[in-house]
Protein backbone atom coordinates (compact mmCIF):
# COMPACT_ATOMS: atom_id res chain seq x y z
CA MET A 1 190.48 297.69 329.00
CA ASP A 2 194.24 297.93 329.47
CA SER A 3 194.62 294.18 329.27
CA VAL A 4 192.71 294.12 326.01
CA SER A 5 194.93 296.83 324.52
CA GLU A 6 198.02 294.94 325.59
CA GLN A 7 196.81 291.80 323.83
CA PHE A 8 195.76 293.59 320.62
CA SER A 9 197.96 296.60 319.99
CA THR A 10 197.88 298.96 317.01
CA GLN A 11 200.92 297.19 315.60
CA ASP A 12 199.01 293.89 315.71
CA LEU A 13 196.10 295.53 313.91
CA PHE A 14 198.24 296.31 310.87
CA ALA A 15 200.14 293.02 310.86
CA PRO A 16 199.55 290.81 307.80
CA GLU A 17 198.07 288.12 310.02
CA ALA A 18 195.24 290.47 311.00
CA PHE A 19 193.84 290.26 307.48
CA PRO A 20 193.26 286.75 306.09
CA ALA A 21 194.63 286.22 302.55
CA GLU A 22 191.21 285.87 300.90
CA PRO A 23 189.96 287.26 297.60
CA GLU A 24 188.09 290.52 297.93
CA THR A 25 184.35 290.28 297.32
CA PRO A 26 182.78 292.27 294.48
CA GLN A 27 181.07 294.52 297.04
CA GLN A 28 184.46 295.64 298.34
CA LEU A 29 185.82 296.49 294.94
CA SER A 30 185.27 299.67 292.97
CA LEU A 31 183.70 299.39 289.54
CA ALA A 32 187.00 300.20 287.81
CA ARG A 33 188.85 297.57 289.81
CA ARG A 34 186.20 294.96 289.00
CA ILE A 35 186.61 295.70 285.30
CA PHE A 36 190.35 295.08 285.31
CA PHE A 37 190.83 292.59 288.15
CA GLY A 38 189.19 289.29 288.99
CA PRO A 39 189.79 286.77 291.77
CA PHE A 40 193.12 285.72 290.16
CA GLY A 41 194.64 289.15 289.54
CA LEU A 42 194.54 291.00 286.23
CA ARG A 43 191.70 289.52 284.22
CA ALA A 44 192.78 287.02 281.57
CA GLY A 45 191.18 289.01 278.75
CA TRP A 46 193.25 292.10 279.56
CA SER A 47 196.37 289.96 280.00
CA LEU A 48 195.93 288.40 276.56
CA LEU A 49 195.20 291.81 275.01
CA ILE A 50 198.43 293.23 276.44
CA TYR A 51 200.36 290.08 275.48
CA PHE A 52 199.27 290.18 271.84
CA ALA A 53 199.66 293.95 271.67
CA ILE A 54 203.31 293.65 272.72
CA LEU A 55 203.91 290.84 270.23
CA ALA A 56 202.20 292.79 267.44
CA SER A 57 204.26 295.90 268.14
CA ILE A 58 207.46 293.83 267.99
CA VAL A 59 206.43 292.16 264.71
CA PHE A 60 205.45 295.45 263.06
CA SER A 61 208.63 297.14 264.28
CA VAL A 62 210.84 294.35 262.95
CA ARG A 63 209.02 294.38 259.62
CA ALA A 64 209.31 298.16 259.34
CA VAL A 65 213.06 298.08 260.04
CA SER A 66 213.54 295.17 257.63
CA HIS A 67 211.56 296.95 254.90
CA HIS A 68 213.57 300.14 255.44
CA TYR A 69 216.93 298.42 255.05
CA LYS A 70 215.75 296.37 252.07
CA ALA A 71 214.57 299.57 250.39
CA LYS A 72 217.93 301.23 251.05
CA ALA A 73 219.79 298.21 249.67
CA HIS A 74 217.59 298.23 246.55
CA ASP A 75 218.17 301.96 245.99
CA ALA A 76 221.91 301.44 246.32
CA ALA A 77 221.77 298.53 243.85
CA VAL A 78 219.78 300.66 241.35
CA ALA A 79 222.26 303.54 241.67
CA ALA A 80 225.21 301.18 241.16
CA ALA A 81 223.55 299.61 238.10
CA ARG A 82 222.87 303.00 236.53
CA ALA A 83 226.45 304.13 237.15
CA ALA A 84 227.69 300.97 235.43
CA GLY A 85 225.22 301.37 232.56
CA LYS A 86 223.38 298.15 233.41
CA PRO A 87 219.64 297.50 233.74
CA ALA A 88 218.28 298.33 237.17
CA PRO A 89 217.30 295.31 239.30
CA SER A 90 213.58 294.72 239.68
CA GLY A 91 213.67 294.49 243.46
CA ALA A 92 211.31 291.51 243.52
CA GLU A 93 212.51 288.75 245.82
CA ALA A 94 212.91 285.29 244.38
CA LYS A 95 210.28 282.92 245.73
CA PRO A 96 211.79 280.07 247.73
CA ASP A 97 211.39 276.57 246.36
CA PRO A 98 208.77 274.86 248.57
CA ASN A 99 210.34 271.47 247.80
CA ALA A 100 213.86 272.51 248.80
CA PRO A 101 215.15 271.00 252.10
CA MET A 102 215.05 273.30 255.09
CA THR A 103 218.54 274.65 255.86
CA ILE A 104 219.85 274.33 259.40
CA VAL A 105 221.36 277.71 260.30
CA PRO A 106 218.45 279.87 259.08
CA GLY A 107 216.12 277.48 260.89
CA MET A 108 218.09 277.93 264.12
CA GLU A 109 218.00 281.70 263.75
CA GLN A 110 214.28 281.80 263.08
CA GLU A 111 213.26 279.39 265.84
CA GLY A 112 215.77 280.74 268.36
CA ILE A 113 214.96 284.42 267.88
CA THR A 114 211.22 283.75 267.95
CA PHE A 115 211.50 281.73 271.16
CA VAL A 116 213.58 284.44 272.85
CA VAL A 117 211.00 287.08 271.89
CA ILE A 118 208.08 284.98 273.17
CA PHE A 119 209.96 284.18 276.38
CA LEU A 120 210.86 287.83 277.02
CA VAL A 121 207.27 288.92 276.45
CA SER A 122 206.13 286.29 278.95
CA LEU A 123 208.64 287.70 281.46
CA VAL A 124 207.07 291.14 280.95
CA MET A 125 203.63 289.62 281.52
CA ALA A 126 204.86 287.86 284.66
CA ALA A 127 206.01 291.23 286.01
CA ILE A 128 202.69 292.89 285.10
CA GLU A 129 200.66 290.06 286.64
CA ARG A 130 203.06 289.71 289.61
CA ARG A 131 203.55 286.01 288.94
CA ARG A 132 206.57 283.75 288.73
CA PHE A 133 207.30 283.08 285.05
CA THR A 134 207.65 279.38 285.89
CA ALA A 135 203.85 279.28 286.23
CA TYR A 136 203.69 279.36 282.43
CA GLY A 137 205.03 275.83 282.05
CA LEU A 138 208.79 276.01 282.59
CA GLY A 139 208.69 275.17 286.28
CA GLY A 140 207.41 271.96 287.77
CA GLN A 141 209.09 269.04 289.47
CA ARG A 142 212.03 267.02 288.10
CA ALA A 143 212.43 269.12 284.95
CA ILE A 144 215.56 267.37 283.62
CA SER A 145 214.14 263.90 284.32
CA ARG A 146 210.87 264.79 282.63
CA PHE A 147 212.70 266.21 279.60
CA LEU A 148 214.91 263.14 279.13
CA THR A 149 212.00 260.73 279.65
CA GLY A 150 209.99 262.60 277.02
CA ALA A 151 212.95 262.44 274.62
CA VAL A 152 213.27 258.66 275.03
CA TRP A 153 209.55 258.22 274.39
CA GLY A 154 209.79 260.48 271.32
CA VAL A 155 212.50 258.35 269.68
CA ALA A 156 210.74 255.10 270.66
CA ALA A 157 207.33 256.18 269.39
CA LEU A 158 208.66 257.46 266.05
CA SER A 159 210.78 254.33 265.60
CA LEU A 160 207.71 252.16 266.24
CA LEU A 161 205.80 254.17 263.61
CA VAL A 162 208.54 253.99 260.96
CA GLY A 163 209.12 250.31 261.73
CA SER A 164 205.42 249.58 261.19
CA LEU A 165 205.48 251.36 257.83
CA ARG A 166 208.60 249.41 256.83
CA VAL A 167 207.03 246.05 257.77
CA PHE A 168 204.00 246.78 255.59
CA HIS A 169 206.19 248.03 252.70
CA LEU A 170 204.88 251.59 252.92
CA ILE A 171 208.30 253.23 253.10
CA SER A 172 211.57 252.63 251.27
CA PHE A 173 215.07 253.56 252.40
CA ASP A 174 216.89 254.44 249.18
CA ALA A 175 220.37 255.49 250.28
CA GLN A 176 222.46 256.67 253.21
CA LEU A 177 223.28 260.34 252.63
CA ASP A 178 225.59 261.15 255.56
CA HIS A 179 228.75 259.25 256.42
CA ARG A 180 231.42 259.25 259.14
CA TRP A 181 231.89 262.58 260.94
CA ALA A 182 229.12 264.28 258.95
CA ILE A 183 226.65 262.08 260.83
CA LEU A 184 227.74 263.54 264.18
CA GLY A 185 227.88 267.09 262.85
CA TYR A 186 224.48 267.13 261.20
CA GLY A 187 222.93 265.00 263.93
CA GLY A 188 224.08 267.37 266.69
CA ALA A 189 223.10 270.50 264.76
CA LEU A 190 219.63 269.15 263.99
CA LEU A 191 219.16 268.01 267.58
CA PHE A 192 219.78 271.59 268.73
CA LEU A 193 217.50 272.94 265.99
CA PHE A 194 214.65 270.69 267.08
CA LEU A 195 215.26 271.54 270.74
CA LEU A 196 214.51 275.13 269.72
CA VAL A 197 211.47 273.94 267.76
CA GLY A 198 210.20 272.01 270.78
CA LEU A 199 210.76 274.95 273.13
CA LEU A 200 209.07 277.40 270.79
CA GLU A 201 206.04 275.35 269.78
CA GLU A 202 205.32 274.03 273.27
CA TYR A 203 205.83 277.40 274.96
CA ILE A 204 203.92 279.47 272.41
CA PHE A 205 200.87 277.19 272.35
CA ARG A 206 200.88 275.49 275.76
CA GLY A 207 202.80 277.97 277.90
CA TYR A 208 201.48 281.45 278.62
CA LEU A 209 198.35 280.98 276.48
CA GLN A 210 197.28 277.71 278.13
CA PHE A 211 197.80 279.06 281.65
CA THR A 212 196.07 282.38 281.01
CA LEU A 213 193.11 280.87 279.19
CA THR A 214 192.72 278.35 282.02
CA ARG A 215 192.54 281.00 284.75
CA GLY A 216 190.21 283.08 282.61
CA LEU A 217 187.79 280.16 282.17
CA VAL A 218 187.69 279.03 285.80
CA GLY A 219 184.48 281.00 286.34
CA LEU A 220 182.81 279.10 283.50
CA GLY A 221 184.22 275.84 284.86
CA ASN A 222 182.76 276.59 288.30
CA LEU A 223 179.35 277.17 286.76
CA ILE A 224 179.52 273.72 285.18
CA SER A 225 180.96 271.99 288.26
CA PRO A 226 182.01 273.93 291.40
CA THR A 227 184.27 271.07 292.52
CA HIS A 228 186.06 270.64 289.17
CA GLY A 229 186.17 274.20 287.89
CA ARG A 230 189.88 274.34 287.14
CA THR A 231 189.90 270.95 285.40
CA ILE A 232 187.03 271.95 283.13
CA ALA A 233 188.66 275.32 282.41
CA PHE A 234 191.94 273.59 281.55
CA TRP A 235 190.33 271.31 278.98
CA ILE A 236 188.29 274.07 277.39
CA ALA A 237 191.57 276.00 277.03
CA THR A 238 193.11 272.85 275.55
CA LEU A 239 190.59 272.84 272.69
CA ILE A 240 191.54 276.45 271.90
CA THR A 241 195.33 275.98 272.02
CA SER A 242 195.18 272.69 270.11
CA GLY A 243 193.07 274.41 267.46
CA LEU A 244 195.72 277.14 267.16
CA PHE A 245 198.41 274.42 266.94
CA PHE A 246 196.39 272.86 264.11
CA LEU A 247 196.04 276.18 262.25
CA ALA A 248 199.77 276.90 262.55
CA HIS A 249 200.54 273.70 260.61
CA THR A 250 198.15 274.43 257.74
CA GLY A 251 200.86 276.56 256.14
CA ASN A 252 203.17 273.58 255.65
CA GLY A 253 203.11 272.81 251.93
CA GLY A 254 203.04 269.02 252.22
CA GLU A 255 200.27 268.72 254.82
CA ASP A 256 196.93 267.05 254.07
CA ALA A 257 193.67 266.47 255.95
CA VAL A 258 194.87 263.33 257.76
CA GLY A 259 198.15 264.97 258.71
CA LEU A 260 196.37 268.00 260.14
CA LEU A 261 193.98 265.78 262.10
CA LEU A 262 196.99 264.03 263.61
CA VAL A 263 198.60 267.40 264.39
CA PHE A 264 195.48 268.23 266.42
CA LEU A 265 195.63 264.83 268.18
CA GLY A 266 199.34 265.38 268.87
CA GLY A 267 198.48 268.74 270.43
CA ILE A 268 196.01 266.97 272.72
CA ALA A 269 198.72 264.47 273.71
CA PHE A 270 201.12 267.28 274.60
CA VAL A 271 198.47 268.95 276.76
CA VAL A 272 197.81 265.64 278.54
CA ALA A 273 201.54 265.61 279.29
CA LEU A 274 201.26 269.15 280.69
CA TRP A 275 198.28 268.15 282.82
CA ARG A 276 199.91 265.03 284.25
CA THR A 277 203.44 266.36 284.81
CA GLY A 278 202.62 269.96 285.74
CA SER A 279 205.12 271.41 283.23
CA LEU A 280 206.10 271.49 279.56
CA TRP A 281 209.39 269.60 279.94
CA TRP A 282 208.12 266.11 279.03
CA ALA A 283 206.41 267.48 275.92
CA ILE A 284 209.47 269.53 274.93
CA GLY A 285 211.68 266.44 275.13
CA PHE A 286 209.18 264.31 273.19
CA HIS A 287 208.62 267.01 270.55
CA MET A 288 212.37 267.47 270.04
CA ALA A 289 213.12 263.74 269.75
CA TRP A 290 210.09 263.00 267.55
CA ASP A 291 211.04 265.72 265.02
CA TRP A 292 214.74 264.82 265.16
CA SER A 293 214.02 261.14 264.55
CA GLN A 294 211.87 261.94 261.54
CA SER A 295 214.07 264.61 260.00
CA PHE A 296 217.56 263.25 260.66
CA LEU A 297 217.57 259.67 261.91
CA TYR A 298 215.14 258.26 259.32
CA GLY A 299 215.22 261.07 256.74
CA VAL A 300 211.45 261.18 256.28
CA PRO A 301 209.31 264.33 255.82
CA ASP A 302 208.24 266.10 259.00
CA SER A 303 204.83 267.73 258.43
CA GLY A 304 205.71 267.79 254.75
CA LEU A 305 209.19 269.28 255.24
CA LEU A 306 212.60 267.72 254.61
CA VAL A 307 215.81 269.04 256.16
CA GLN A 308 219.36 269.47 255.01
CA GLY A 309 221.75 266.84 256.38
CA ARG A 310 219.36 263.94 256.92
CA LEU A 311 220.84 260.48 257.36
CA PHE A 312 218.76 258.64 254.73
CA ALA A 313 216.96 259.34 251.48
CA THR A 314 213.52 257.74 251.63
CA HIS A 315 210.24 257.70 249.76
CA SER A 316 206.74 256.55 250.67
CA MET A 317 204.88 253.81 248.81
CA GLY A 318 201.29 252.78 248.44
CA ASN A 319 198.17 254.57 249.65
CA PRO A 320 199.09 257.98 251.18
CA VAL A 321 196.49 257.46 253.89
CA LEU A 322 198.51 254.44 255.05
CA SER A 323 202.04 255.65 254.25
CA GLY A 324 201.63 259.33 255.07
CA GLY A 325 202.58 260.37 251.54
CA THR A 326 204.17 263.82 251.29
CA VAL A 327 203.33 264.57 254.93
CA GLY A 328 205.62 261.85 256.25
CA PRO A 329 204.93 259.08 258.79
CA GLU A 330 202.99 261.39 261.09
CA GLY A 331 200.41 261.75 258.28
CA SER A 332 199.73 257.99 258.30
CA VAL A 333 196.73 256.45 260.03
CA PHE A 334 199.27 254.16 261.73
CA CYS A 335 200.16 257.23 263.81
CA ILE A 336 196.72 257.31 265.45
CA PRO A 337 197.13 254.21 267.69
CA ILE A 338 200.65 255.31 268.61
CA LEU A 339 199.45 258.74 269.77
CA ILE A 340 196.60 257.08 271.65
CA LEU A 341 199.15 254.77 273.29
CA ILE A 342 201.19 257.83 274.35
CA ILE A 343 198.08 259.44 275.85
CA VAL A 344 197.22 256.25 277.76
CA VAL A 345 200.79 256.00 279.11
CA LEU A 346 200.60 259.62 280.26
CA LEU A 347 197.24 259.08 281.95
CA PHE A 348 198.83 256.33 284.05
CA THR A 349 201.85 258.50 284.90
CA ARG A 350 201.98 259.67 288.51
CA SER A 351 200.68 263.22 288.40
CA SER A 352 202.52 266.31 289.61
CA PRO A 353 200.83 269.49 290.89
CA GLN A 354 199.74 272.21 288.49
CA PRO A 355 201.12 275.75 288.85
CA PRO A 356 198.94 277.56 291.40
CA LEU A 357 196.28 280.07 290.37
CA GLU A 358 197.16 282.67 292.98
CA THR A 359 194.37 284.88 294.25
CA ASN A 360 194.62 288.67 294.45
CA ALA A 361 195.62 288.53 298.09
CA GLN A 362 198.30 285.90 297.46
CA LEU A 363 199.75 287.90 294.57
CA ARG A 364 199.96 291.01 296.75
CA THR A 365 201.66 289.01 299.51
CA ASP A 366 204.22 287.59 297.04
């Protein structure tokens, strides 16, 4: 008896090694715990509810503050007009011209502030879920290399697309708009702007949402195939996030049905990049370079939008289905084989591991 106690003391009993890091079974969990926690920590449904609740509270707060200060400014303008004996201003905001080029600085502010908010909310969710925030797509192996490789492919793919349109006389370069030092200034500013665009759009659609939907759908994936549960869950989540990516582009004034279909296909390509590389960095680099090449380097519309400071003035010619029309080159059917080529290249890329779906026990240990 003494020898047994020497080999297995009370201290050993409470050591972490005495309890294997395995998920608790439903029988061991209370009803309340089973409602809020699954095998991978806080259930995905609750996580998404908290995530969107935080975002909604931020949006409503910002709108309320903005409305308050606009109302104060209007009241001050009315009082000043009355004191000067002039008609009071109406207070109605002038509607922006949908055909006006997008300005750079307001674009940076909008994209940058939105990305910071989304990123900070994901940090809050990482703390609540007890995860590393890098699990949401900004980790992975060889981040800088992946980013630069994606950027090279973005410029090459867009150049191939524009070159094809030029060969078939579907696009015309009318004039060079920027010269000398203005080229470097506008080019650098727009590169930074589209870096923010790439970070925001990839992170908001294929970052926290993609990861959380995937872990929430693993149970369904296991029902379909116990050996490929995570893969199935990932691709079901892909359909949801790519659909949201599609819907987000319907507000662009120049978009059409073909352009929106290609937006959806582009979303699929970006998720393939996430699946093969294990992070968002390749897609961020590609997204940045693709948009920059359209908007600055070739001066063509990007999802129906033109930007201030583009290098060339261009216009499309011929059938809009072939040329892209008001959407730009990415609204052309010529874009379909190029996106398929990108997907094929990614499928033959050496894969990197996906962020782990830690179990309850692993999260507690971390």
